Structures are given as structure tokens and as C-alpha cells.
C-alpha atoms as a PDB file:
ATOM      1  CA  MET A   1       6.760 -18.127  27.518  1.00  0.00           C
ATOM      2  CA  THR A   2       5.322 -15.254  25.510  1.00  0.00           C
ATOM      3  CA  MET A   3       7.442 -12.386  24.202  1.00  0.00           C
ATOM      4  CA  THR A   4       6.921  -8.615  24.069  1.00  0.00           C
ATOM      5  CA  LEU A   5       6.501  -6.792  20.770  1.00  0.00           C
ATOM      6  CA  ASN A   6       8.291  -3.453  20.604  1.00  0.00           C
ATOM      7  CA  LEU A   7       7.224  -0.664  18.212  1.00  0.00           C
ATOM      8  CA  GLU A   8      10.607   1.076  18.399  1.00  0.00           C
ATOM      9  CA  GLU A   9      12.238  -2.091  17.121  1.00  0.00           C
ATOM     10  CA  PHE A  10       9.507  -2.540  14.495  1.00  0.00           C
ATOM     11  CA  LEU A  11      10.061   0.965  13.110  1.00  0.00           C
ATOM     12  CA  THR A  12      13.847   0.642  13.278  1.00  0.00           C
ATOM     13  CA  LEU A  13      14.184  -2.831  11.718  1.00  0.00           C
ATOM     14  CA  GLY A  14      10.954  -3.195   9.750  1.00  0.00           C
ATOM     15  CA  GLU A  15      10.192  -6.335  11.749  1.00  0.00           C
ATOM     16  CA  PHE A  16       9.772  -7.676  15.263  1.00  0.00           C
ATOM     17  CA  SER A  17      13.110  -9.423  15.863  1.00  0.00           C
ATOM     18  CA  VAL A  18      11.519 -12.197  17.929  1.00  0.00           C
ATOM     19  CA  LEU A  19       9.503 -13.138  14.829  1.00  0.00           C
ATOM     20  CA  GLY A  20      11.920 -12.308  11.991  1.00  0.00           C
ATOM     21  CA  SER A  21      10.890 -10.932   8.631  1.00  0.00           C
ATOM     22  CA  VAL A  22       7.602 -12.143   7.139  1.00  0.00           C
ATOM     23  CA  PRO A  23       6.778 -14.616   9.928  1.00  0.00           C
ATOM     24  CA  HIS A  24       4.542 -17.622   9.323  1.00  0.00           C
ATOM     25  CA  ARG A  25       1.311 -17.932  11.357  1.00  0.00           C
ATOM     26  CA  GLU A  26       2.603 -20.927  13.308  1.00  0.00           C
ATOM     27  CA  LYS A  27       5.794 -19.104  14.284  1.00  0.00           C
ATOM     28  CA  VAL A  28       3.696 -16.171  15.535  1.00  0.00           C
ATOM     29  CA  ARG A  29       1.632 -18.544  17.698  1.00  0.00           C
ATOM     30  CA  ALA A  30       4.707 -20.435  18.944  1.00  0.00           C
ATOM     31  CA  ILE A  31       6.428 -17.233  20.055  1.00  0.00           C
ATOM     32  CA  LEU A  32       3.523 -14.999  21.102  1.00  0.00           C
ATOM     33  CA  GLY A  33       1.083 -17.657  22.245  1.00  0.00           C
ATOM     34  CA  PRO A  34      -2.595 -17.755  21.312  1.00  0.00           C
ATOM     35  CA  PRO A  35      -3.962 -14.476  19.932  1.00  0.00           C
ATOM     36  CA  ASP A  36      -5.985 -12.155  22.159  1.00  0.00           C
ATOM     37  CA  ASP A  37      -8.594 -11.996  19.403  1.00  0.00           C
ATOM     38  CA  GLN A  38      -8.958 -13.334  15.883  1.00  0.00           C
ATOM     39  CA  GLY A  39     -11.169 -13.298  12.807  1.00  0.00           C
ATOM     40  CA  VAL A  40     -14.485 -15.112  12.870  1.00  0.00           C
ATOM     41  CA  GLY A  41     -15.507 -18.333  11.138  1.00  0.00           C
ATOM     42  CA  LYS A  42     -13.534 -19.189   8.021  1.00  0.00           C
ATOM     43  CA  ASN A  43     -11.387 -16.079   8.618  1.00  0.00           C
ATOM     44  CA  SER A  44     -10.284 -17.133  12.105  1.00  0.00           C
ATOM     45  CA  ASN A  45      -6.808 -18.063  10.882  1.00  0.00           C
ATOM     46  CA  LEU A  46      -6.439 -15.032   8.582  1.00  0.00           C
ATOM     47  CA  LEU A  47      -6.516 -12.286  11.245  1.00  0.00           C
ATOM     48  CA  TRP A  48      -4.966 -12.478  14.693  1.00  0.00           C
ATOM     49  CA  ARG A  49      -4.748  -9.621  17.180  1.00  0.00           C
ATOM     50  CA  TYR A  50      -2.237  -9.297  20.011  1.00  0.00           C
ATOM     51  CA  GLY A  51      -3.286  -6.183  21.905  1.00  0.00           C
ATOM     52  CA  PRO A  52      -3.233  -3.408  19.303  1.00  0.00           C
ATOM     53  CA  VAL A  53      -1.117  -5.380  16.812  1.00  0.00           C
ATOM     54  CA  GLU A  54      -2.932  -7.251  14.047  1.00  0.00           C
ATOM     55  CA  PHE A  55      -1.332  -9.943  11.919  1.00  0.00           C
ATOM     56  CA  HIS A  56      -3.082 -10.614   8.604  1.00  0.00           C
ATOM     57  CA  PHE A  57      -2.185 -13.945   7.012  1.00  0.00           C
ATOM     58  CA  SER A  58      -2.582 -15.563   3.599  1.00  0.00           C
ATOM     59  CA  GLN A  59      -4.458 -18.869   3.352  1.00  0.00           C
ATOM     60  CA  GLU A  60      -1.040 -20.558   3.457  1.00  0.00           C
ATOM     61  CA  GLY A  61      -0.157 -18.830   6.734  1.00  0.00           C
ATOM     62  CA  LYS A  62       2.348 -16.262   5.456  1.00  0.00           C
ATOM     63  CA  THR A  63       2.100 -12.784   7.013  1.00  0.00           C
ATOM     64  CA  LYS A  64       0.632 -10.303   4.520  1.00  0.00           C
ATOM     65  CA  LEU A  65       0.202  -7.283   6.798  1.00  0.00           C
ATOM     66  CA  ILE A  66       1.082  -6.086  10.292  1.00  0.00           C
ATOM     67  CA  TYR A  67      -1.312  -3.349  11.396  1.00  0.00           C
ATOM     68  CA  VAL A  68      -1.457  -1.275  14.608  1.00  0.00           C
ATOM     69  CA  ASP A  69      -4.347   1.084  15.324  1.00  0.00           C
ATOM     70  CA  HIS A  70      -5.100   1.181  19.053  1.00  0.00           C
ATOM     71  CA  PHE A  71      -2.808   3.570  20.909  1.00  0.00           C
ATOM     72  CA  HIS A  72      -5.202   4.484  23.725  1.00  0.00           C
ATOM     73  CA  MET A  73      -4.615   1.540  26.061  1.00  0.00           C
ATOM     74  CA  GLU A  74      -1.693  -0.243  27.657  1.00  0.00           C
ATOM     75  CA  PHE A  75      -1.082  -3.841  26.724  1.00  0.00           C
ATOM     76  CA  PRO A  76       1.202  -6.101  28.780  1.00  0.00           C
ATOM     77  CA  ARG A  77       2.895  -7.731  25.765  1.00  0.00           C
ATOM     78  CA  ILE A  78       3.248  -4.569  23.655  1.00  0.00           C
ATOM     79  CA  ASP A  79       5.738  -1.734  24.085  1.00  0.00           C
ATOM     80  CA  LEU A  80       4.200   1.176  22.125  1.00  0.00           C
ATOM     81  CA  TRP A  81       7.430   3.234  22.446  1.00  0.00           C
ATOM     82  CA  PHE A  82       6.413   6.913  22.328  1.00  0.00           C
ATOM     83  CA  PHE A  83       3.144   6.230  20.478  1.00  0.00           C
ATOM     84  CA  GLN A  84      -0.036   7.106  22.306  1.00  0.00           C
ATOM     85  CA  SER A  85      -3.580   8.092  21.482  1.00  0.00           C
ATOM     86  CA  GLY A  86      -3.737  11.573  19.997  1.00  0.00           C
ATOM     87  CA  ILE A  87      -0.036  11.824  19.138  1.00  0.00           C
ATOM     88  CA  THR A  88       0.394  14.194  16.209  1.00  0.00           C
ATOM     89  CA  MET A  89       2.329  13.918  12.977  1.00  0.00           C
ATOM     90  CA  THR A  90       4.754  16.584  14.230  1.00  0.00           C
ATOM     91  CA  GLU A  91       5.434  14.590  17.396  1.00  0.00           C
ATOM     92  CA  VAL A  92       5.965  11.374  15.409  1.00  0.00           C
ATOM     93  CA  ILE A  93       8.384  13.176  13.077  1.00  0.00           C
ATOM     94  CA  GLU A  94      10.300  14.450  16.116  1.00  0.00           C
ATOM     95  CA  GLY A  95      10.423  10.916  17.561  1.00  0.00           C
ATOM     96  CA  LEU A  96      11.665   9.415  14.292  1.00  0.00           C
ATOM     97  CA  ARG A  97      14.306  12.122  13.934  1.00  0.00           C
ATOM     98  CA  ALA A  98      15.457  11.628  17.543  1.00  0.00           C
ATOM     99  CA  LYS A  99      16.082   7.962  16.699  1.00  0.00           C
ATOM    100  CA  ALA A 100      17.681   8.971  13.336  1.00  0.00           C
ATOM    101  CA  LEU A 101      15.151   6.892  11.382  1.00  0.00           C
ATOM    102  CA  GLY A 102      14.756   7.777   7.722  1.00  0.00           C
ATOM    103  CA  PHE A 103      11.300   8.623   6.433  1.00  0.00           C
ATOM    104  CA  SER A 104       9.391  10.573   3.812  1.00  0.00           C
ATOM    105  CA  ILE A 105       6.257  12.653   4.163  1.00  0.00           C
ATOM    106  CA  ASP A 106       3.724  11.439   1.625  1.00  0.00           C
ATOM    107  CA  GLY A 107       0.885  13.916   1.349  1.00  0.00           C
ATOM    108  CA  GLU A 108      -0.719  15.769   4.207  1.00  0.00           C
ATOM    109  CA  ASN A 109      -1.436  12.822   6.494  1.00  0.00           C
ATOM    110  CA  THR A 110       1.095  10.074   5.818  1.00  0.00           C
ATOM    111  CA  ILE A 111       4.679   9.243   6.726  1.00  0.00           C
ATOM    112  CA  THR A 112       6.519   6.273   5.214  1.00  0.00           C
ATOM    113  CA  THR A 113       9.653   5.046   6.962  1.00  0.00           C
ATOM    114  CA  GLU A 114      12.709   3.808   5.099  1.00  0.00           C
ATOM    115  CA  LYS A 115      11.641   0.289   6.103  1.00  0.00           C
ATOM    116  CA  GLY A 116       8.287   0.748   4.321  1.00  0.00           C
ATOM    117  CA  ILE A 117       6.122   1.219   7.397  1.00  0.00           C
ATOM    118  CA  VAL A 118       3.247   3.606   6.720  1.00  0.00           C
ATOM    119  CA  ILE A 119       2.092   5.891   9.538  1.00  0.00           C
ATOM    120  CA  ASP A 120      -1.280   7.484   8.821  1.00  0.00           C
ATOM    121  CA  PHE A 121      -3.000  10.389  10.568  1.00  0.00           C
ATOM    122  CA  PHE A 122      -6.594  11.614  10.751  1.00  0.00           C
ATOM    123  CA  ASP A 123      -7.367  15.019   9.223  1.00  0.00           C
ATOM    124  CA  SER A 124      -7.460  16.309  12.814  1.00  0.00           C
ATOM    125  CA  GLY A 125      -3.720  15.565  12.988  1.00  0.00           C
ATOM    126  CA  ALA A 126      -3.945  12.692  15.490  1.00  0.00           C
ATOM    127  CA  ILE A 127      -2.475   9.294  14.665  1.00  0.00           C
ATOM    128  CA  HIS A 128      -4.775   6.799  12.990  1.00  0.00           C
ATOM    129  CA  ALA A 129      -2.665   3.693  12.369  1.00  0.00           C
ATOM    130  CA  LEU A 130       0.657   2.303  11.252  1.00  0.00           C
ATOM    131  CA  TRP A 131       1.245  -0.746   9.101  1.00  0.00           C
ATOM    132  CA  LEU A 132       3.663  -2.747   7.013  1.00  0.00           C
ATOM    133  CA  GLU A 133       2.538  -4.708   3.963  1.00  0.00           C
ATOM    134  CA  PHE A 134       4.663  -7.583   2.700  1.00  0.00           C
ATOM    135  CA  GLU A 135       5.082  -8.168  -1.044  1.00  0.00           C
ATOM    136  CA  SER A 136       2.629  -5.406  -1.810  1.00  0.00           C
ATOM    137  CA  PRO A 137       2.647  -3.090  -4.807  1.00  0.00           C
ATOM    138  CA  THR A 138       2.033  -0.240  -2.372  1.00  0.00           C
ATOM    139  CA  ARG A 139       5.589  -0.678  -1.100  1.00  0.00           C
ATOM    140  CA  LYS A 140       6.862   0.618  -4.430  1.00  0.00           C
ATOM    141  CA  LYS A 141       7.709   4.277  -4.871  1.00  0.00           C
ATOM    142  CA  GLN A 142       5.814   6.277  -7.464  1.00  0.00           C
ATOM    143  CA  ILE A 143       7.272   8.640 -10.034  1.00  0.00           C
ATOM    144  CA  SER A 144       5.630  10.909 -12.557  1.00  0.00           C
ATOM    145  CA  LEU A 145       6.438  11.027 -16.239  1.00  0.00           C
ATOM    146  CA  SER A 146       5.852  13.571 -18.999  1.00  0.00           C
ATOM    147  CA  LEU A 147       5.671  12.462 -22.621  1.00  0.00           C
ATOM    148  CA  ASP A 148       5.155  14.397 -25.798  1.00  0.00           C
ATOM    149  CA  HIS A 149       1.804  13.782 -27.526  1.00  0.00           C
ATOM    150  CA  GLU A 150       3.186  11.333 -30.115  1.00  0.00           C
ATOM    151  CA  ARG A 151       4.827   9.061 -27.526  1.00  0.00           C
ATOM    152  CA  TYR A 152       1.809   9.280 -25.258  1.00  0.00           C
ATOM    153  CA  SER A 153      -0.441   8.174 -28.159  1.00  0.00           C
ATOM    154  CA  LYS A 154       1.831   5.206 -28.910  1.00  0.00           C
ATOM    155  CA  LEU A 155       1.821   4.194 -25.252  1.00  0.00           C
ATOM    156  CA  ARG A 156      -1.948   4.480 -25.025  1.00  0.00           C
ATOM    157  CA  LYS A 157      -2.403   2.370 -28.180  1.00  0.00           C
ATOM    158  CA  ARG A 158      -0.030  -0.296 -26.813  1.00  0.00           C
ATOM    159  CA  SER A 159      -1.945  -0.251 -23.527  1.00  0.00           C
ATOM    160  CA  GLU A 160      -5.259  -0.840 -25.280  1.00  0.00           C
ATOM    161  CA  GLU A 161      -3.828  -3.597 -27.487  1.00  0.00           C
ATOM    162  CA  SER A 162      -2.158  -5.464 -24.640  1.00  0.00           C
ATOM    163  CA  ARG A 163      -4.936  -4.801 -22.106  1.00  0.00           C
ATOM    164  CA  LYS A 164      -2.306  -3.599 -19.653  1.00  0.00           C
ATOM    165  CA  SER A 165      -2.262  -0.253 -17.910  1.00  0.00           C
ATOM    166  CA  MET A 166       0.078   2.418 -19.204  1.00  0.00           C
ATOM    167  CA  SER A 167       1.735   2.476 -15.758  1.00  0.00           C
ATOM    168  CA  GLU A 168       2.397  -1.260 -15.926  1.00  0.00           C
ATOM    169  CA  ILE A 169       3.963  -0.972 -19.397  1.00  0.00           C
ATOM    170  CA  VAL A 170       6.163   1.998 -18.455  1.00  0.00           C
ATOM    171  CA  ALA A 171       7.225   0.340 -15.187  1.00  0.00           C
ATOM    172  CA  LYS A 172       8.425  -2.761 -17.077  1.00  0.00           C
ATOM    173  CA  ILE A 173      10.402  -0.609 -19.554  1.00  0.00           C
ATOM    174  CA  VAL A 174      11.998   1.480 -16.794  1.00  0.00           C
ATOM    175  CA  GLU A 175      12.759  -1.569 -14.625  1.00  0.00           C
ATOM    176  CA  ALA A 176      14.416  -3.329 -17.585  1.00  0.00           C
ATOM    177  CA  GLU A 177      16.517  -0.257 -18.327  1.00  0.00           C
ATOM    178  CA  ILE A 178      17.583   0.144 -14.691  1.00  0.00           C
ATOM    179  CA  ASP A 179      18.435  -3.565 -14.446  1.00  0.00           C
ATOM    180  CA  GLN A 180      20.963  -3.042 -17.254  1.00  0.00           C
ATOM    181  CA  TRP A 181      22.891  -0.379 -15.292  1.00  0.00           C
END
């Protein structure tokens, strides 16, 4: 018996409850059945599509990305909630607020939910795609930092000596400091 995937649940929980968090490829197949479509050749086990929902897997079978980008058709095993082709950023914001889901607006065309799901829009304002990356550096929040010239020069020198980016060095220092709180 195959199950239905629900986008409302995905946006609320950050996962499809029938699969759990970071599902393995074999669990996806056991619960959802064979994919509707998949990658070709050596990539056939790295990308599986169930209607508009894509699962991207590592070589070991762990889910790396869940990606949804087709909102213009109905799919029997997928409940798209209020998402549809052409839905605008304003309408998505209204839908998220109606469900009391936390989110941030990141730039002109992107919303990120509190569960880390990115919702992206074309410049025209219509929805493009939504996705969730697992164990990805993009799931981290960015901050900006201002340093006086002397400290900046020291950081730059350290970066060149260690062959690490300045961002990587500063992130380690800040993370270590926060971990001590």
C-alpha cells in the first residue's frame, strides 16, 4: 500500500511523517512504492521522483534533498495543500501565517521556514520551487561582522596562512564562544 505525501505536513514538521526525518532510500521505496521517475544510468538510485516531489540520495542511500517544483498538475499520491502553479509570494506568506508557521523573508524572492524549508519564487513573483536540504551548510543562518582595520588584517593573514576562508575561521571562533555560554 502506498502512502500520500502532504505538503502542509512537510512545511509544518520539516518532514513527511510517514517517512520520518532524513529517510533512507529503501524506506522511501518501502513506504511510497517504486518511484514514478528516477535518474538515468549510474544516477538511477540517486534521484527518485514521486509526482512533483524529488528525493535526492547519497551513494549510501541517505536523503540529501527533498525538492518540489511542479505545482501545475494534480498527483494522486501528493497533497499540494494550497500550493498551485502561479501562486505568489504574498499568497504563500498568507498561507503560512494562517497556519501560524514561522518563517523569514530572505531577499526579494525567498522565504525560509523555521524548519529550514526554502521556498523560492521567480522574478515574476510566481512560485518556482521549495526544498529542504539535510546536513547542508545552507541551512545555517548568516550574520555580518564589522572589524577595525587591524583586526581585519590579522584575520586575513591567518586565513592566508591556514588556507581557510575568513568566514570559516570566524565561524569556529563564534561557535566556540557560544558553546561556552
